[in-house]
């Protein structure tokens, strides 16, 4: 559920667990407050705790960390191919899934205010947008570097990966993280080349980096850019 205190709109989450022995209120960020309590706690008891802690939240929320980069509902922007675009929010009561589309020269987020209420709902719409665009955009980059290097993967899959930008298996199957679509084409190209080089060199040996350098002498600048991104 969402709550508002002064100018701060945030998601309020109730978390029950049999491991929790006492009630705590956690100010996760300016966009999320979590109340943790024993498994037996009712929603009514949670609400009473929230009301009790409103003055504390009001005092400290301005000093809490900022929202996640991909909190698209609050930021009303979308990072796509190295640029930040304005995101127009449009309520649509007959939709069951929040969805981002590019239409009439603008990026639009369609959502149902009666259904879509959590950060995860809107993050799902962003992941879906990246996934739908990944194959069309990145396949062409793969074709370019496959032709340059003559290194051919057995399979390429696009998915959301929580802890890595991409991977190449011992069977030469490459998994590409759809979240890379937040970066520009040059950064994406580096990741593509990086994984293709793993077809020949399975670890990060000197031979591996020499192979990357052969086809992309300035690859280190793209490594730096990746460190500033968010999974």
C-alpha atoms as a PDB file:
ATOM      1  CA  UNK A   1       0.000   0.000   0.000  1.00  0.00           C
ATOM      2  CA  UNK A   2       1.074   3.602  -0.546  1.00  0.00           C
ATOM      3  CA  UNK A   3       1.168   6.330   2.082  1.00  0.00           C
ATOM      4  CA  UNK A   4       1.969  10.033   1.919  1.00  0.00           C
ATOM      5  CA  UNK A   5       3.618  12.150   4.597  1.00  0.00           C
ATOM      6  CA  UNK A   6       4.014  15.795   3.575  1.00  0.00           C
ATOM      7  CA  UNK A   7       5.570  15.649   0.071  1.00  0.00           C
ATOM      8  CA  UNK A   8       6.889  12.086   0.399  1.00  0.00           C
ATOM      9  CA  UNK A   9       4.890   9.278  -1.184  1.00  0.00           C
ATOM     10  CA  UNK A  10       6.176   5.844  -0.215  1.00  0.00           C
ATOM     11  CA  UNK A  11       5.211   2.195  -0.207  1.00  0.00           C
ATOM     12  CA  UNK A  12       4.377   0.718   3.195  1.00  0.00           C
ATOM     13  CA  UNK A  13       5.090  -2.998   3.509  1.00  0.00           C
ATOM     14  CA  UNK A  14       4.115  -5.395   6.301  1.00  0.00           C
ATOM     15  CA  UNK A  15       6.544  -8.256   6.851  1.00  0.00           C
ATOM     16  CA  UNK A  16       5.689 -11.210   9.114  1.00  0.00           C
ATOM     17  CA  UNK A  17       8.087 -13.961  10.110  1.00  0.00           C
ATOM     18  CA  UNK A  18       8.308 -16.620  12.797  1.00  0.00           C
ATOM     19  CA  UNK A  19      11.950 -15.588  13.181  1.00  0.00           C
ATOM     20  CA  UNK A  20      10.990 -12.075  14.268  1.00  0.00           C
ATOM     21  CA  UNK A  21      10.535 -11.679  18.014  1.00  0.00           C
ATOM     22  CA  UNK A  22       9.864  -7.946  18.271  1.00  0.00           C
ATOM     23  CA  UNK A  23       8.373  -5.274  16.070  1.00  0.00           C
ATOM     24  CA  UNK A  24      10.681  -2.948  14.129  1.00  0.00           C
ATOM     25  CA  UNK A  25      10.100  -0.129  11.655  1.00  0.00           C
ATOM     26  CA  UNK A  26      12.672   0.157   8.861  1.00  0.00           C
ATOM     27  CA  UNK A  27      13.050   3.258   6.703  1.00  0.00           C
ATOM     28  CA  UNK A  28      14.478   1.484   3.645  1.00  0.00           C
ATOM     29  CA  UNK A  29      14.468   4.574   1.428  1.00  0.00           C
ATOM     30  CA  UNK A  30      12.426   7.660   0.705  1.00  0.00           C
ATOM     31  CA  UNK A  31      10.081   5.377  -1.222  1.00  0.00           C
ATOM     32  CA  UNK A  32       9.807   2.354   1.070  1.00  0.00           C
ATOM     33  CA  UNK A  33       9.025   1.793   4.746  1.00  0.00           C
ATOM     34  CA  UNK A  34       8.842  -1.745   6.122  1.00  0.00           C
ATOM     35  CA  UNK A  35       7.261  -2.835   9.400  1.00  0.00           C
ATOM     36  CA  UNK A  36       8.573  -6.199  10.596  1.00  0.00           C
ATOM     37  CA  UNK A  37       6.662  -8.182  13.192  1.00  0.00           C
ATOM     38  CA  UNK A  38       6.026 -11.711  14.521  1.00  0.00           C
ATOM     39  CA  UNK A  39       3.977 -14.073  12.381  1.00  0.00           C
ATOM     40  CA  UNK A  40       0.843 -13.604  14.481  1.00  0.00           C
ATOM     41  CA  UNK A  41       0.539  -9.865  13.801  1.00  0.00           C
ATOM     42  CA  UNK A  42      -2.703  -8.758  12.108  1.00  0.00           C
ATOM     43  CA  UNK A  43      -3.058  -5.954   9.555  1.00  0.00           C
ATOM     44  CA  UNK A  44      -4.856  -3.910  12.192  1.00  0.00           C
ATOM     45  CA  UNK A  45      -1.895  -4.234  14.556  1.00  0.00           C
ATOM     46  CA  UNK A  46       0.460  -3.228  11.751  1.00  0.00           C
ATOM     47  CA  UNK A  47      -1.658  -0.143  11.087  1.00  0.00           C
ATOM     48  CA  UNK A  48      -1.488   0.848  14.747  1.00  0.00           C
ATOM     49  CA  UNK A  49       2.309   0.585  14.674  1.00  0.00           C
ATOM     50  CA  UNK A  50       2.417   2.725  11.537  1.00  0.00           C
ATOM     51  CA  UNK A  51       0.243   5.439  13.104  1.00  0.00           C
ATOM     52  CA  UNK A  52       2.467   5.430  16.182  1.00  0.00           C
ATOM     53  CA  UNK A  53       5.601   5.914  14.091  1.00  0.00           C
ATOM     54  CA  UNK A  54       4.308   8.639  11.746  1.00  0.00           C
ATOM     55  CA  UNK A  55       6.161  11.413  13.663  1.00  0.00           C
ATOM     56  CA  UNK A  56       9.401   9.376  13.519  1.00  0.00           C
ATOM     57  CA  UNK A  57       9.008   8.718   9.785  1.00  0.00           C
ATOM     58  CA  UNK A  58       8.200  12.375   9.168  1.00  0.00           C
ATOM     59  CA  UNK A  59      11.366  13.436  10.986  1.00  0.00           C
ATOM     60  CA  UNK A  60      13.757  11.011   9.269  1.00  0.00           C
ATOM     61  CA  UNK A  61      12.410  10.343   5.791  1.00  0.00           C
ATOM     62  CA  UNK A  62      14.105  13.380   4.234  1.00  0.00           C
ATOM     63  CA  UNK A  63      17.478  11.952   5.299  1.00  0.00           C
ATOM     64  CA  UNK A  64      16.780   8.451   4.012  1.00  0.00           C
ATOM     65  CA  UNK A  65      18.502   7.242   0.866  1.00  0.00           C
ATOM     66  CA  UNK A  66      16.918   8.182  -2.440  1.00  0.00           C
ATOM     67  CA  UNK A  67      14.679   5.835  -4.333  1.00  0.00           C
ATOM     68  CA  UNK A  68      15.979   3.145  -6.637  1.00  0.00           C
ATOM     69  CA  UNK A  69      17.207   4.405 -10.021  1.00  0.00           C
ATOM     70  CA  UNK A  70      14.473   2.355 -11.673  1.00  0.00           C
ATOM     71  CA  UNK A  71      11.608   3.678  -9.578  1.00  0.00           C
ATOM     72  CA  UNK A  72       9.936   4.786 -12.790  1.00  0.00           C
ATOM     73  CA  UNK A  73       6.647   5.747 -11.141  1.00  0.00           C
ATOM     74  CA  UNK A  74       8.329   8.377  -8.972  1.00  0.00           C
ATOM     75  CA  UNK A  75      11.072   9.457 -11.366  1.00  0.00           C
ATOM     76  CA  UNK A  76       8.786   9.451 -14.428  1.00  0.00           C
ATOM     77  CA  UNK A  77      11.795   8.754 -16.628  1.00  0.00           C
ATOM     78  CA  UNK A  78      13.151   5.706 -18.420  1.00  0.00           C
ATOM     79  CA  UNK A  79      16.809   4.931 -19.164  1.00  0.00           C
ATOM     80  CA  UNK A  80      17.083   3.496 -22.660  1.00  0.00           C
ATOM     81  CA  UNK A  81      20.156   3.133 -24.877  1.00  0.00           C
ATOM     82  CA  UNK A  82      22.219   5.624 -22.915  1.00  0.00           C
ATOM     83  CA  UNK A  83      19.606   8.377 -22.699  1.00  0.00           C
ATOM     84  CA  UNK A  84      17.079   9.386 -20.080  1.00  0.00           C
ATOM     85  CA  UNK A  85      13.603   9.838 -21.556  1.00  0.00           C
ATOM     86  CA  UNK A  86      10.521  11.416 -20.033  1.00  0.00           C
ATOM     87  CA  UNK A  87       7.867   8.813 -19.199  1.00  0.00           C
ATOM     88  CA  UNK A  88       4.226   9.854 -19.517  1.00  0.00           C
ATOM     89  CA  UNK A  89       1.953   8.075 -17.033  1.00  0.00           C
ATOM     90  CA  UNK A  90      -1.453   7.024 -18.339  1.00  0.00           C
ATOM     91  CA  UNK A  91      -4.130   5.346 -16.253  1.00  0.00           C
ATOM     92  CA  UNK A  92      -5.970   2.530 -18.029  1.00  0.00           C
ATOM     93  CA  UNK A  93      -8.615   0.696 -16.046  1.00  0.00           C
ATOM     94  CA  UNK A  94      -8.886  -2.319 -18.368  1.00  0.00           C
ATOM     95  CA  UNK A  95      -5.201  -3.317 -18.240  1.00  0.00           C
ATOM     96  CA  UNK A  96      -4.005  -6.122 -15.960  1.00  0.00           C
ATOM     97  CA  UNK A  97      -0.276  -5.535 -16.409  1.00  0.00           C
ATOM     98  CA  UNK A  98       1.613  -2.246 -16.293  1.00  0.00           C
ATOM     99  CA  UNK A  99       3.162  -1.695 -19.708  1.00  0.00           C
ATOM    100  CA  UNK A 100       5.652   0.729 -21.284  1.00  0.00           C
ATOM    101  CA  UNK A 101       5.211   1.566 -24.968  1.00  0.00           C
ATOM    102  CA  UNK A 102       6.678   4.092 -27.376  1.00  0.00           C
ATOM    103  CA  UNK A 103       3.888   5.847 -29.247  1.00  0.00           C
ATOM    104  CA  UNK A 104       3.318   9.231 -30.860  1.00  0.00           C
ATOM    105  CA  UNK A 105       6.960  10.150 -30.252  1.00  0.00           C
ATOM    106  CA  UNK A 106       6.887   9.553 -26.498  1.00  0.00           C
ATOM    107  CA  UNK A 107       7.370   6.809 -23.935  1.00  0.00           C
ATOM    108  CA  UNK A 108       4.159   5.984 -22.086  1.00  0.00           C
ATOM    109  CA  UNK A 109       3.486   3.870 -19.013  1.00  0.00           C
ATOM    110  CA  UNK A 110      -0.027   2.403 -18.948  1.00  0.00           C
ATOM    111  CA  UNK A 111      -1.172   1.151 -15.573  1.00  0.00           C
ATOM    112  CA  UNK A 112      -4.276   0.343 -13.556  1.00  0.00           C
ATOM    113  CA  UNK A 113      -4.247   2.270 -10.292  1.00  0.00           C
ATOM    114  CA  UNK A 114      -6.536  -0.338  -8.716  1.00  0.00           C
ATOM    115  CA  UNK A 115      -4.087  -3.173  -9.424  1.00  0.00           C
ATOM    116  CA  UNK A 116      -0.601  -1.744  -9.770  1.00  0.00           C
ATOM    117  CA  UNK A 117       0.446  -0.437  -6.384  1.00  0.00           C
ATOM    118  CA  UNK A 118       3.937  -1.721  -5.653  1.00  0.00           C
ATOM    119  CA  UNK A 119       7.412  -0.889  -6.931  1.00  0.00           C
ATOM    120  CA  UNK A 120       7.660  -4.446  -8.282  1.00  0.00           C
ATOM    121  CA  UNK A 121       4.617  -3.922 -10.549  1.00  0.00           C
ATOM    122  CA  UNK A 122       6.277  -1.014 -12.310  1.00  0.00           C
ATOM    123  CA  UNK A 123       9.739  -2.562 -12.345  1.00  0.00           C
ATOM    124  CA  UNK A 124       8.138  -5.537 -14.118  1.00  0.00           C
ATOM    125  CA  UNK A 125       6.898  -3.191 -16.844  1.00  0.00           C
ATOM    126  CA  UNK A 126      10.426  -1.856 -17.341  1.00  0.00           C
ATOM    127  CA  UNK A 127      11.914  -5.362 -17.535  1.00  0.00           C
ATOM    128  CA  UNK A 128       9.231  -6.326 -20.058  1.00  0.00           C
ATOM    129  CA  UNK A 129      10.053  -3.273 -22.172  1.00  0.00           C
ATOM    130  CA  UNK A 130      13.761  -4.111 -22.141  1.00  0.00           C
ATOM    131  CA  UNK A 131      13.056  -7.749 -22.949  1.00  0.00           C
ATOM    132  CA  UNK A 132      10.849  -6.919 -25.940  1.00  0.00           C
ATOM    133  CA  UNK A 133      13.529  -4.625 -27.371  1.00  0.00           C
ATOM    134  CA  UNK A 134      16.586  -6.740 -26.554  1.00  0.00           C
ATOM    135  CA  UNK A 135      16.435  -9.195 -29.418  1.00  0.00           C
ATOM    136  CA  UNK A 136      15.845  -6.606 -32.156  1.00  0.00           C
ATOM    137  CA  UNK A 137      18.659  -4.360 -30.931  1.00  0.00           C
ATOM    138  CA  UNK A 138      21.270  -6.769 -29.607  1.00  0.00           C
ATOM    139  CA  UNK A 139      20.942  -9.510 -32.234  1.00  0.00           C
ATOM    140  CA  UNK A 140      22.332  -7.086 -34.816  1.00  0.00           C
ATOM    141  CA  UNK A 141      25.306  -6.311 -32.570  1.00  0.00           C
ATOM    142  CA  UNK A 142      25.979 -10.020 -32.134  1.00  0.00           C
ATOM    143  CA  UNK A 143      25.870 -10.537 -35.896  1.00  0.00           C
ATOM    144  CA  UNK A 144      28.368  -7.712 -36.384  1.00  0.00           C
ATOM    145  CA  UNK A 145      30.912  -9.117 -33.931  1.00  0.00           C
ATOM    146  CA  UNK A 146      30.362 -12.742 -34.910  1.00  0.00           C
ATOM    147  CA  UNK A 147      31.334 -11.726 -38.427  1.00  0.00           C
ATOM    148  CA  UNK A 148      34.365  -9.785 -37.137  1.00  0.00           C
ATOM    149  CA  UNK A 149      35.670 -12.452 -34.775  1.00  0.00           C
ATOM    150  CA  UNK A 150      34.354 -15.647 -36.364  1.00  0.00           C
ATOM    151  CA  UNK A 151      33.314 -16.709 -32.847  1.00  0.00           C
ATOM    152  CA  UNK A 152      29.859 -18.258 -32.897  1.00  0.00           C
ATOM    153  CA  UNK A 153      27.725 -18.990 -29.821  1.00  0.00           C
ATOM    154  CA  UNK A 154      25.528 -22.064 -29.839  1.00  0.00           C
ATOM    155  CA  UNK A 155      22.653 -20.100 -28.349  1.00  0.00           C
ATOM    156  CA  UNK A 156      21.819 -16.559 -27.220  1.00  0.00           C
ATOM    157  CA  UNK A 157      19.149 -15.935 -24.606  1.00  0.00           C
ATOM    158  CA  UNK A 158      17.844 -12.673 -23.156  1.00  0.00           C
ATOM    159  CA  UNK A 159      16.794 -12.583 -19.533  1.00  0.00           C
ATOM    160  CA  UNK A 160      16.844 -10.559 -16.320  1.00  0.00           C
ATOM    161  CA  UNK A 161      19.984 -11.408 -14.346  1.00  0.00           C
ATOM    162  CA  UNK A 162      20.356 -10.097 -10.813  1.00  0.00           C
ATOM    163  CA  UNK A 163      24.115 -10.309 -10.369  1.00  0.00           C
ATOM    164  CA  UNK A 164      25.849 -10.182 -13.762  1.00  0.00           C
ATOM    165  CA  UNK A 165      25.611  -8.373 -17.075  1.00  0.00           C
ATOM    166  CA  UNK A 166      26.043 -11.488 -19.187  1.00  0.00           C
ATOM    167  CA  UNK A 167      27.614 -14.952 -19.167  1.00  0.00           C
ATOM    168  CA  UNK A 168      29.036 -17.556 -21.518  1.00  0.00           C
ATOM    169  CA  UNK A 169      28.781 -21.226 -20.539  1.00  0.00           C
ATOM    170  CA  UNK A 170      31.288 -23.961 -21.256  1.00  0.00           C
ATOM    171  CA  UNK A 171      28.879 -25.055 -23.999  1.00  0.00           C
ATOM    172  CA  UNK A 172      29.235 -21.603 -25.631  1.00  0.00           C
ATOM    173  CA  UNK A 173      25.715 -20.523 -24.731  1.00  0.00           C
ATOM    174  CA  UNK A 174      25.461 -16.813 -23.993  1.00  0.00           C
ATOM    175  CA  UNK A 175      22.966 -15.266 -21.575  1.00  0.00           C
ATOM    176  CA  UNK A 176      22.512 -11.518 -22.005  1.00  0.00           C
ATOM    177  CA  UNK A 177      21.065  -9.327 -19.247  1.00  0.00           C
ATOM    178  CA  UNK A 178      18.161  -7.225 -20.556  1.00  0.00           C
ATOM    179  CA  UNK A 179      19.076  -4.485 -18.033  1.00  0.00           C
ATOM    180  CA  UNK A 180      22.001  -3.621 -20.312  1.00  0.00           C
ATOM    181  CA  UNK A 181      19.533  -1.707 -22.464  1.00  0.00           C
ATOM    182  CA  UNK A 182      19.926   1.178 -20.023  1.00  0.00           C
ATOM    183  CA  UNK A 183      23.367   1.771 -21.630  1.00  0.00           C
ATOM    184  CA  UNK A 184      24.328   3.113 -25.024  1.00  0.00           C
ATOM    185  CA  UNK A 185      25.188   0.912 -27.998  1.00  0.00           C
ATOM    186  CA  UNK A 186      28.959   1.110 -27.419  1.00  0.00           C
ATOM    187  CA  UNK A 187      28.678  -0.304 -23.897  1.00  0.00           C
ATOM    188  CA  UNK A 188      26.309  -3.040 -25.089  1.00  0.00           C
ATOM    189  CA  UNK A 189      28.763  -3.842 -27.899  1.00  0.00           C
ATOM    190  CA  UNK A 190      31.565  -4.283 -25.365  1.00  0.00           C
ATOM    191  CA  UNK A 191      29.522  -6.820 -23.379  1.00  0.00           C
ATOM    192  CA  UNK A 192      28.657  -8.699 -26.578  1.00  0.00           C
ATOM    193  CA  UNK A 193      32.313  -8.843 -27.609  1.00  0.00           C
ATOM    194  CA  UNK A 194      33.386  -9.801 -24.075  1.00  0.00           C
ATOM    195  CA  UNK A 195      31.126 -12.855 -24.065  1.00  0.00           C
ATOM    196  CA  UNK A 196      32.036 -13.875 -27.600  1.00  0.00           C
ATOM    197  CA  UNK A 197      35.711 -13.844 -26.628  1.00  0.00           C
ATOM    198  CA  UNK A 198      34.880 -16.313 -23.846  1.00  0.00           C
ATOM    199  CA  UNK A 199      34.031 -18.837 -26.552  1.00  0.00           C
ATOM    200  CA  UNK A 200      37.742 -19.005 -27.296  1.00  0.00           C
ATOM    201  CA  UNK A 201      39.156 -18.077 -23.872  1.00  0.00           C
ATOM    202  CA  UNK A 202      37.062 -19.341 -20.968  1.00  0.00           C
ATOM    203  CA  UNK A 203      38.719 -17.284 -18.239  1.00  0.00           C
ATOM    204  CA  UNK A 204      40.018 -13.734 -17.868  1.00  0.00           C
ATOM    205  CA  UNK A 205      43.595 -14.566 -18.819  1.00  0.00           C
ATOM    206  CA  UNK A 206      45.989 -12.242 -20.635  1.00  0.00           C
ATOM    207  CA  UNK A 207      45.073 -14.045 -23.844  1.00  0.00           C
ATOM    208  CA  UNK A 208      41.426 -13.202 -23.230  1.00  0.00           C
ATOM    209  CA  UNK A 209      42.046  -9.475 -22.732  1.00  0.00           C
ATOM    210  CA  UNK A 210      44.366  -9.368 -25.731  1.00  0.00           C
ATOM    211  CA  UNK A 211      41.563 -10.846 -27.801  1.00  0.00           C
ATOM    212  CA  UNK A 212      39.105  -8.215 -26.553  1.00  0.00           C
ATOM    213  CA  UNK A 213      41.677  -5.482 -27.225  1.00  0.00           C
ATOM    214  CA  UNK A 214      42.192  -6.742 -30.763  1.00  0.00           C
ATOM    215  CA  UNK A 215      38.610  -5.924 -31.693  1.00  0.00           C
ATOM    216  CA  UNK A 216      37.963  -3.060 -29.246  1.00  0.00           C
ATOM    217  CA  UNK A 217      41.147  -1.191 -28.154  1.00  0.00           C
ATOM    218  CA  UNK A 218      39.195   1.251 -25.949  1.00  0.00           C
ATOM    219  CA  UNK A 219      37.205  -1.429 -24.094  1.00  0.00           C
ATOM    220  CA  UNK A 220      38.305  -0.174 -20.646  1.00  0.00           C
ATOM    221  CA  UNK A 221      36.186   2.955 -20.954  1.00  0.00           C
ATOM    222  CA  UNK A 222      33.089   0.760 -21.254  1.00  0.00           C
ATOM    223  CA  UNK A 223      34.064  -1.261 -18.198  1.00  0.00           C
ATOM    224  CA  UNK A 224      33.989   1.985 -16.240  1.00  0.00           C
ATOM    225  CA  UNK A 225      30.549   2.846 -17.606  1.00  0.00           C
ATOM    226  CA  UNK A 226      29.182  -0.536 -16.510  1.00  0.00           C
ATOM    227  CA  UNK A 227      30.268   0.077 -12.924  1.00  0.00           C
ATOM    228  CA  UNK A 228      27.950   3.069 -12.787  1.00  0.00           C
ATOM    229  CA  UNK A 229      24.935   1.069 -13.914  1.00  0.00           C
ATOM    230  CA  UNK A 230      22.392  -0.723 -11.797  1.00  0.00           C
ATOM    231  CA  UNK A 231      21.110  -4.249 -12.061  1.00  0.00           C
END
